[in-house]
């Protein structure tokens, strides 16, 4: 299987390069809170920027989304009704990401 798209090496919101801190602290919607690991922008810890800095801000690093079956990087998203997904995909992988090729293959089994 081949990669379906190229991963981005900069933050899609603030433009931070990989390995750097997000710009516009604490307003980048991609920055994670070092306490709860949720989105900092909507986290209560956002109100305490000094505590966040002392704890240690999380640098931007892009981790690719992978098809859980074949490992293809950045598979194109597609939608099917929940009932179809649950019929085709084993219950242990209902929350997984699958590329369309793997989904279509599983639907033939």
C-alpha atoms as a PDB file:
ATOM      1  CA  UNK A   1       0.000   0.000   0.000  1.00  0.00           C
ATOM      2  CA  UNK A   2       1.222   3.509  -0.640  1.00  0.00           C
ATOM      3  CA  UNK A   3       0.920   6.766   1.247  1.00  0.00           C
ATOM      4  CA  UNK A   4      -2.140   8.684   0.164  1.00  0.00           C
ATOM      5  CA  UNK A   5      -0.913  12.140   1.152  1.00  0.00           C
ATOM      6  CA  UNK A   6       2.123  13.900   2.573  1.00  0.00           C
ATOM      7  CA  UNK A   7       2.295  14.606   6.321  1.00  0.00           C
ATOM      8  CA  UNK A   8       2.689  18.210   7.392  1.00  0.00           C
ATOM      9  CA  UNK A   9       5.804  19.155   9.324  1.00  0.00           C
ATOM     10  CA  UNK A  10       4.396  22.415  10.628  1.00  0.00           C
ATOM     11  CA  UNK A  11       1.460  23.005  12.941  1.00  0.00           C
ATOM     12  CA  UNK A  12      -1.648  23.656  10.874  1.00  0.00           C
ATOM     13  CA  UNK A  13      -2.828  26.336  13.294  1.00  0.00           C
ATOM     14  CA  UNK A  14       0.184  28.400  14.392  1.00  0.00           C
ATOM     15  CA  UNK A  15       2.851  27.342  11.874  1.00  0.00           C
ATOM     16  CA  UNK A  16       5.316  26.056  14.487  1.00  0.00           C
ATOM     17  CA  UNK A  17       7.952  23.823  12.956  1.00  0.00           C
ATOM     18  CA  UNK A  18       8.392  20.287  14.212  1.00  0.00           C
ATOM     19  CA  UNK A  19      10.367  20.256  17.479  1.00  0.00           C
ATOM     20  CA  UNK A  20       9.489  23.868  18.326  1.00  0.00           C
ATOM     21  CA  UNK A  21       6.952  25.174  20.809  1.00  0.00           C
ATOM     22  CA  UNK A  22       3.605  26.266  19.426  1.00  0.00           C
ATOM     23  CA  UNK A  23       3.413  29.975  18.635  1.00  0.00           C
ATOM     24  CA  UNK A  24       0.811  32.289  20.163  1.00  0.00           C
ATOM     25  CA  UNK A  25       0.913  30.530  23.564  1.00  0.00           C
ATOM     26  CA  UNK A  26      -1.647  29.603  24.877  1.00  0.00           C
ATOM     27  CA  UNK A  27      -3.893  30.284  21.890  1.00  0.00           C
ATOM     28  CA  UNK A  28      -2.813  27.632  19.369  1.00  0.00           C
ATOM     29  CA  UNK A  29      -5.640  25.100  19.067  1.00  0.00           C
ATOM     30  CA  UNK A  30      -3.153  22.240  18.553  1.00  0.00           C
ATOM     31  CA  UNK A  31      -1.109  22.754  21.738  1.00  0.00           C
ATOM     32  CA  UNK A  32      -1.623  20.090  24.416  1.00  0.00           C
ATOM     33  CA  UNK A  33      -1.799  20.805  28.146  1.00  0.00           C
ATOM     34  CA  UNK A  34       1.178  19.250  30.002  1.00  0.00           C
ATOM     35  CA  UNK A  35      -1.101  18.409  32.965  1.00  0.00           C
ATOM     36  CA  UNK A  36      -4.124  16.701  31.393  1.00  0.00           C
ATOM     37  CA  UNK A  37      -2.862  16.226  27.792  1.00  0.00           C
ATOM     38  CA  UNK A  38      -6.070  17.747  26.448  1.00  0.00           C
ATOM     39  CA  UNK A  39      -6.254  20.753  24.121  1.00  0.00           C
ATOM     40  CA  UNK A  40      -4.707  23.630  26.109  1.00  0.00           C
ATOM     41  CA  UNK A  41      -6.942  26.213  24.467  1.00  0.00           C
ATOM     42  CA  UNK A  42     -10.061  24.644  26.033  1.00  0.00           C
ATOM     43  CA  UNK A  43      -8.435  23.457  29.251  1.00  0.00           C
ATOM     44  CA  UNK A  44      -8.766  25.168  32.650  1.00  0.00           C
ATOM     45  CA  UNK A  45      -4.962  25.182  32.942  1.00  0.00           C
ATOM     46  CA  UNK A  46      -4.900  27.804  30.170  1.00  0.00           C
ATOM     47  CA  UNK A  47      -5.753  30.354  32.884  1.00  0.00           C
ATOM     48  CA  UNK A  48      -2.412  29.586  34.611  1.00  0.00           C
ATOM     49  CA  UNK A  49       0.297  30.084  31.958  1.00  0.00           C
ATOM     50  CA  UNK A  50       3.123  30.259  34.510  1.00  0.00           C
ATOM     51  CA  UNK A  51       2.188  26.836  35.910  1.00  0.00           C
ATOM     52  CA  UNK A  52       2.050  25.449  32.377  1.00  0.00           C
ATOM     53  CA  UNK A  53       5.515  26.837  31.632  1.00  0.00           C
ATOM     54  CA  UNK A  54       6.944  25.418  34.883  1.00  0.00           C
ATOM     55  CA  UNK A  55       5.437  21.996  34.176  1.00  0.00           C
ATOM     56  CA  UNK A  56       6.934  22.117  30.687  1.00  0.00           C
ATOM     57  CA  UNK A  57       5.170  22.971  27.462  1.00  0.00           C
ATOM     58  CA  UNK A  58       4.850  20.213  24.885  1.00  0.00           C
ATOM     59  CA  UNK A  59       6.757  20.730  21.642  1.00  0.00           C
ATOM     60  CA  UNK A  60       5.022  20.217  18.306  1.00  0.00           C
ATOM     61  CA  UNK A  61       5.790  16.813  16.792  1.00  0.00           C
ATOM     62  CA  UNK A  62       3.676  15.376  13.990  1.00  0.00           C
ATOM     63  CA  UNK A  63       2.685  11.747  14.409  1.00  0.00           C
ATOM     64  CA  UNK A  64       1.091  10.301  11.288  1.00  0.00           C
ATOM     65  CA  UNK A  65      -2.274   8.656  11.258  1.00  0.00           C
ATOM     66  CA  UNK A  66      -1.926   5.084  10.064  1.00  0.00           C
ATOM     67  CA  UNK A  67      -4.271   2.483   8.690  1.00  0.00           C
ATOM     68  CA  UNK A  68      -4.524  -0.087  11.489  1.00  0.00           C
ATOM     69  CA  UNK A  69      -4.407  -2.974   9.019  1.00  0.00           C
ATOM     70  CA  UNK A  70      -1.786  -2.119   6.383  1.00  0.00           C
ATOM     71  CA  UNK A  71       0.049   0.794   7.996  1.00  0.00           C
ATOM     72  CA  UNK A  72      -0.517   3.263   5.148  1.00  0.00           C
ATOM     73  CA  UNK A  73       0.326   6.793   6.273  1.00  0.00           C
ATOM     74  CA  UNK A  74      -2.351   9.465   6.215  1.00  0.00           C
ATOM     75  CA  UNK A  75      -5.159   7.429   4.637  1.00  0.00           C
ATOM     76  CA  UNK A  76      -7.892   9.504   3.035  1.00  0.00           C
ATOM     77  CA  UNK A  77     -10.934   9.701   5.262  1.00  0.00           C
ATOM     78  CA  UNK A  78     -14.203   8.206   4.128  1.00  0.00           C
ATOM     79  CA  UNK A  79     -17.563   7.679   5.769  1.00  0.00           C
ATOM     80  CA  UNK A  80     -19.873   4.700   6.014  1.00  0.00           C
ATOM     81  CA  UNK A  81     -22.932   4.269   8.220  1.00  0.00           C
ATOM     82  CA  UNK A  82     -22.146   2.998  11.737  1.00  0.00           C
ATOM     83  CA  UNK A  83     -24.088  -0.206  11.082  1.00  0.00           C
ATOM     84  CA  UNK A  84     -21.939  -0.935   8.039  1.00  0.00           C
ATOM     85  CA  UNK A  85     -18.699  -0.239   9.932  1.00  0.00           C
ATOM     86  CA  UNK A  86     -19.782  -2.497  12.787  1.00  0.00           C
ATOM     87  CA  UNK A  87     -20.731  -5.272  10.385  1.00  0.00           C
ATOM     88  CA  UNK A  88     -17.447  -5.140   8.436  1.00  0.00           C
ATOM     89  CA  UNK A  89     -14.831  -4.244  11.067  1.00  0.00           C
ATOM     90  CA  UNK A  90     -14.154  -6.596  14.012  1.00  0.00           C
ATOM     91  CA  UNK A  91     -15.428  -5.131  17.285  1.00  0.00           C
ATOM     92  CA  UNK A  92     -11.871  -4.948  18.654  1.00  0.00           C
ATOM     93  CA  UNK A  93     -11.056  -2.365  15.963  1.00  0.00           C
ATOM     94  CA  UNK A  94     -14.210  -0.233  15.798  1.00  0.00           C
ATOM     95  CA  UNK A  95     -12.202   2.826  16.947  1.00  0.00           C
ATOM     96  CA  UNK A  96      -9.309   2.203  14.532  1.00  0.00           C
ATOM     97  CA  UNK A  97      -8.426   4.110  11.381  1.00  0.00           C
ATOM     98  CA  UNK A  98      -8.656   2.095   8.183  1.00  0.00           C
ATOM     99  CA  UNK A  99      -7.844   3.057   4.616  1.00  0.00           C
ATOM    100  CA  UNK A 100     -10.597   2.492   2.068  1.00  0.00           C
ATOM    101  CA  UNK A 101      -8.708  -0.368   0.393  1.00  0.00           C
ATOM    102  CA  UNK A 102      -8.519  -2.319   3.662  1.00  0.00           C
ATOM    103  CA  UNK A 103     -12.140  -1.549   4.532  1.00  0.00           C
ATOM    104  CA  UNK A 104     -13.286  -2.739   1.123  1.00  0.00           C
ATOM    105  CA  UNK A 105     -11.212  -5.918   1.519  1.00  0.00           C
ATOM    106  CA  UNK A 106     -12.685  -6.637   4.961  1.00  0.00           C
ATOM    107  CA  UNK A 107     -16.173  -6.199   3.517  1.00  0.00           C
ATOM    108  CA  UNK A 108     -15.522  -9.200   1.209  1.00  0.00           C
ATOM    109  CA  UNK A 109     -14.652 -11.573   4.062  1.00  0.00           C
END
